[in-house]
């Protein structure tokens, strides 16, 4: 997977509010592994809709920001 960083006005950075606390947790890796084993197939339609703008993001040159 290739990920290219770019600033996009409609996406607000939430690292300080949410992610920083998750990453410093002593249980982060355990939680991530449990999610990948048990919960990854339980993502509901609303979550998929909320992720769609990020997953379909285009770079200024027209290429996909996320590619497999």
N, C-alpha and C. Protein backbone atom coordinates (compact mmCIF):
# COMPACT_ATOMS: atom_id res chain seq x y z
N UNK A 1 0.85 -1.17 0.00
CA UNK A 1 0.00 0.00 0.00
C UNK A 1 0.89 1.23 0.00
N UNK A 2 0.56 2.17 -0.84
CA UNK A 2 1.26 3.45 -0.88
C UNK A 2 0.34 4.52 -0.33
N UNK A 3 0.86 5.38 0.53
CA UNK A 3 0.08 6.46 1.10
C UNK A 3 0.84 7.75 0.86
N UNK A 4 0.21 8.70 0.20
CA UNK A 4 0.82 10.00 -0.08
C UNK A 4 0.16 11.05 0.80
N UNK A 5 0.96 11.83 1.51
CA UNK A 5 0.40 12.84 2.41
C UNK A 5 0.09 14.11 1.63
N UNK A 6 -1.08 14.67 1.92
CA UNK A 6 -1.46 15.96 1.37
C UNK A 6 -2.46 16.61 2.31
N UNK A 7 -2.51 17.91 2.31
CA UNK A 7 -3.49 18.63 3.12
C UNK A 7 -4.79 18.72 2.35
N UNK A 8 -5.87 18.36 3.01
CA UNK A 8 -7.19 18.42 2.41
C UNK A 8 -8.09 19.16 3.38
N UNK A 9 -8.76 20.21 2.91
CA UNK A 9 -9.53 21.09 3.79
C UNK A 9 -10.66 20.38 4.53
N UNK A 10 -11.32 19.41 3.91
CA UNK A 10 -12.48 18.80 4.56
C UNK A 10 -12.12 17.77 5.62
N UNK A 11 -10.84 17.43 5.74
CA UNK A 11 -10.42 16.44 6.74
C UNK A 11 -9.71 17.17 7.87
N UNK A 12 -10.27 17.08 9.07
CA UNK A 12 -9.69 17.73 10.23
C UNK A 12 -8.75 16.75 10.94
N UNK A 13 -7.58 17.22 11.32
CA UNK A 13 -6.63 16.39 12.03
C UNK A 13 -7.15 16.11 13.44
N UNK A 14 -7.32 14.85 13.76
CA UNK A 14 -7.84 14.48 15.07
C UNK A 14 -6.79 13.77 15.93
N UNK A 15 -5.52 13.82 15.52
CA UNK A 15 -4.48 13.10 16.23
C UNK A 15 -4.41 13.50 17.70
N UNK A 16 -4.34 14.79 17.96
CA UNK A 16 -4.21 15.25 19.34
C UNK A 16 -5.42 14.89 20.18
N UNK A 17 -6.61 14.93 19.58
CA UNK A 17 -7.83 14.67 20.33
C UNK A 17 -8.06 13.19 20.61
N UNK A 18 -7.72 12.33 19.66
CA UNK A 18 -8.11 10.92 19.76
C UNK A 18 -6.94 9.95 19.70
N UNK A 19 -6.19 10.02 18.66
CA UNK A 19 -5.20 8.98 18.37
C UNK A 19 -4.03 8.96 19.35
N UNK A 20 -3.58 10.11 19.78
CA UNK A 20 -2.42 10.15 20.67
C UNK A 20 -2.65 9.29 21.91
N UNK A 21 -3.82 9.38 22.51
CA UNK A 21 -4.13 8.59 23.70
C UNK A 21 -4.17 7.10 23.39
N UNK A 22 -4.63 6.75 22.22
CA UNK A 22 -4.70 5.34 21.82
C UNK A 22 -3.30 4.77 21.64
N UNK A 23 -2.43 5.51 20.96
CA UNK A 23 -1.10 5.00 20.66
C UNK A 23 -0.22 4.84 21.90
N UNK A 24 -0.44 5.63 22.92
CA UNK A 24 0.40 5.52 24.13
C UNK A 24 -0.14 4.47 25.10
N UNK A 25 -1.28 3.91 24.80
CA UNK A 25 -1.86 2.89 25.66
C UNK A 25 -1.00 1.63 25.66
N UNK A 26 -0.80 1.05 26.82
CA UNK A 26 -0.01 -0.18 26.92
C UNK A 26 -0.72 -1.35 26.24
N UNK A 27 -2.02 -1.25 26.03
CA UNK A 27 -2.79 -2.32 25.41
C UNK A 27 -3.06 -2.10 23.92
N UNK A 28 -2.41 -1.10 23.31
CA UNK A 28 -2.71 -0.77 21.91
C UNK A 28 -2.47 -1.95 20.98
N UNK A 29 -1.31 -2.57 21.05
CA UNK A 29 -1.00 -3.67 20.15
C UNK A 29 -1.95 -4.84 20.37
N UNK A 30 -2.23 -5.16 21.62
CA UNK A 30 -3.17 -6.24 21.93
C UNK A 30 -4.55 -5.93 21.35
N UNK A 31 -5.02 -4.70 21.50
CA UNK A 31 -6.32 -4.30 20.97
C UNK A 31 -6.35 -4.38 19.45
N UNK A 32 -5.27 -3.97 18.82
CA UNK A 32 -5.18 -4.02 17.36
C UNK A 32 -5.22 -5.45 16.86
N UNK A 33 -4.49 -6.32 17.52
CA UNK A 33 -4.49 -7.73 17.12
C UNK A 33 -5.85 -8.38 17.34
N UNK A 34 -6.50 -8.05 18.45
CA UNK A 34 -7.84 -8.59 18.70
C UNK A 34 -8.84 -8.10 17.66
N UNK A 35 -8.73 -6.83 17.28
CA UNK A 35 -9.61 -6.31 16.24
C UNK A 35 -9.39 -7.05 14.93
N UNK A 36 -8.13 -7.28 14.56
CA UNK A 36 -7.85 -7.95 13.28
C UNK A 36 -8.32 -9.41 13.28
N UNK A 37 -8.37 -10.03 14.45
CA UNK A 37 -8.79 -11.43 14.53
C UNK A 37 -10.30 -11.59 14.67
N UNK A 38 -10.95 -10.67 15.40
CA UNK A 38 -12.35 -10.88 15.77
C UNK A 38 -13.32 -9.86 15.17
N UNK A 39 -12.96 -8.59 15.21
CA UNK A 39 -13.94 -7.54 14.94
C UNK A 39 -13.87 -6.93 13.54
N UNK A 40 -12.88 -7.28 12.75
CA UNK A 40 -12.72 -6.60 11.46
C UNK A 40 -13.91 -6.81 10.53
N UNK A 41 -14.64 -7.89 10.68
CA UNK A 41 -15.79 -8.14 9.81
C UNK A 41 -17.09 -7.58 10.38
N UNK A 42 -17.01 -6.91 11.52
CA UNK A 42 -18.19 -6.34 12.16
C UNK A 42 -18.30 -4.83 11.96
N UNK A 43 -17.62 -4.28 10.96
CA UNK A 43 -17.71 -2.86 10.69
C UNK A 43 -19.06 -2.60 10.02
N UNK A 44 -19.84 -1.68 10.59
CA UNK A 44 -21.20 -1.45 10.07
C UNK A 44 -21.18 -0.49 8.87
N UNK A 45 -22.32 -0.38 8.21
CA UNK A 45 -22.45 0.44 7.01
C UNK A 45 -22.16 1.92 7.28
N UNK A 46 -22.55 2.42 8.45
CA UNK A 46 -22.31 3.82 8.78
C UNK A 46 -20.81 4.12 8.84
N UNK A 47 -20.05 3.23 9.45
CA UNK A 47 -18.60 3.43 9.52
C UNK A 47 -17.98 3.41 8.14
N UNK A 48 -18.44 2.52 7.29
CA UNK A 48 -17.93 2.45 5.92
C UNK A 48 -18.23 3.76 5.18
N UNK A 49 -19.44 4.29 5.36
CA UNK A 49 -19.79 5.56 4.73
C UNK A 49 -18.91 6.70 5.24
N UNK A 50 -18.60 6.70 6.53
CA UNK A 50 -17.75 7.74 7.09
C UNK A 50 -16.31 7.65 6.60
N UNK A 51 -15.85 6.44 6.30
CA UNK A 51 -14.48 6.25 5.81
C UNK A 51 -14.33 6.50 4.31
N UNK A 52 -15.43 6.47 3.58
CA UNK A 52 -15.36 6.56 2.12
C UNK A 52 -14.61 7.79 1.60
N UNK A 53 -14.82 9.01 2.14
CA UNK A 53 -14.06 10.16 1.62
C UNK A 53 -12.55 9.99 1.76
N UNK A 54 -12.11 9.30 2.79
CA UNK A 54 -10.68 9.07 2.98
C UNK A 54 -10.16 8.03 2.00
N UNK A 55 -10.93 6.98 1.80
CA UNK A 55 -10.49 5.87 0.96
C UNK A 55 -10.54 6.19 -0.53
N UNK A 56 -11.36 7.15 -0.92
CA UNK A 56 -11.47 7.52 -2.34
C UNK A 56 -10.75 8.82 -2.65
N UNK A 57 -9.94 9.30 -1.73
CA UNK A 57 -9.23 10.57 -1.88
C UNK A 57 -8.29 10.53 -3.08
N UNK A 58 -8.29 11.59 -3.86
CA UNK A 58 -7.42 11.71 -5.03
C UNK A 58 -6.32 12.73 -4.75
N UNK A 59 -5.14 12.47 -5.28
CA UNK A 59 -4.03 13.41 -5.20
C UNK A 59 -4.23 14.50 -6.23
N UNK A 60 -3.51 15.63 -6.11
CA UNK A 60 -3.67 16.70 -7.10
C UNK A 60 -3.41 16.24 -8.55
N UNK A 61 -2.59 15.21 -8.72
CA UNK A 61 -2.32 14.72 -10.08
C UNK A 61 -3.36 13.71 -10.55
N UNK A 62 -4.42 13.47 -9.76
CA UNK A 62 -5.49 12.58 -10.15
C UNK A 62 -5.34 11.13 -9.70
N UNK A 63 -4.19 10.76 -9.17
CA UNK A 63 -3.97 9.40 -8.69
C UNK A 63 -4.68 9.20 -7.34
N UNK A 64 -4.98 7.92 -7.06
CA UNK A 64 -5.56 7.59 -5.76
C UNK A 64 -4.54 7.84 -4.65
N UNK A 65 -4.99 8.40 -3.53
CA UNK A 65 -4.10 8.62 -2.38
C UNK A 65 -3.74 7.30 -1.72
N UNK A 66 -4.67 6.33 -1.74
CA UNK A 66 -4.43 5.02 -1.19
C UNK A 66 -4.55 4.00 -2.32
N UNK A 67 -3.52 3.21 -2.48
CA UNK A 67 -3.58 2.16 -3.51
C UNK A 67 -3.05 0.86 -2.95
N UNK A 68 -3.62 -0.22 -3.39
CA UNK A 68 -3.21 -1.54 -2.90
C UNK A 68 -2.01 -2.05 -3.65
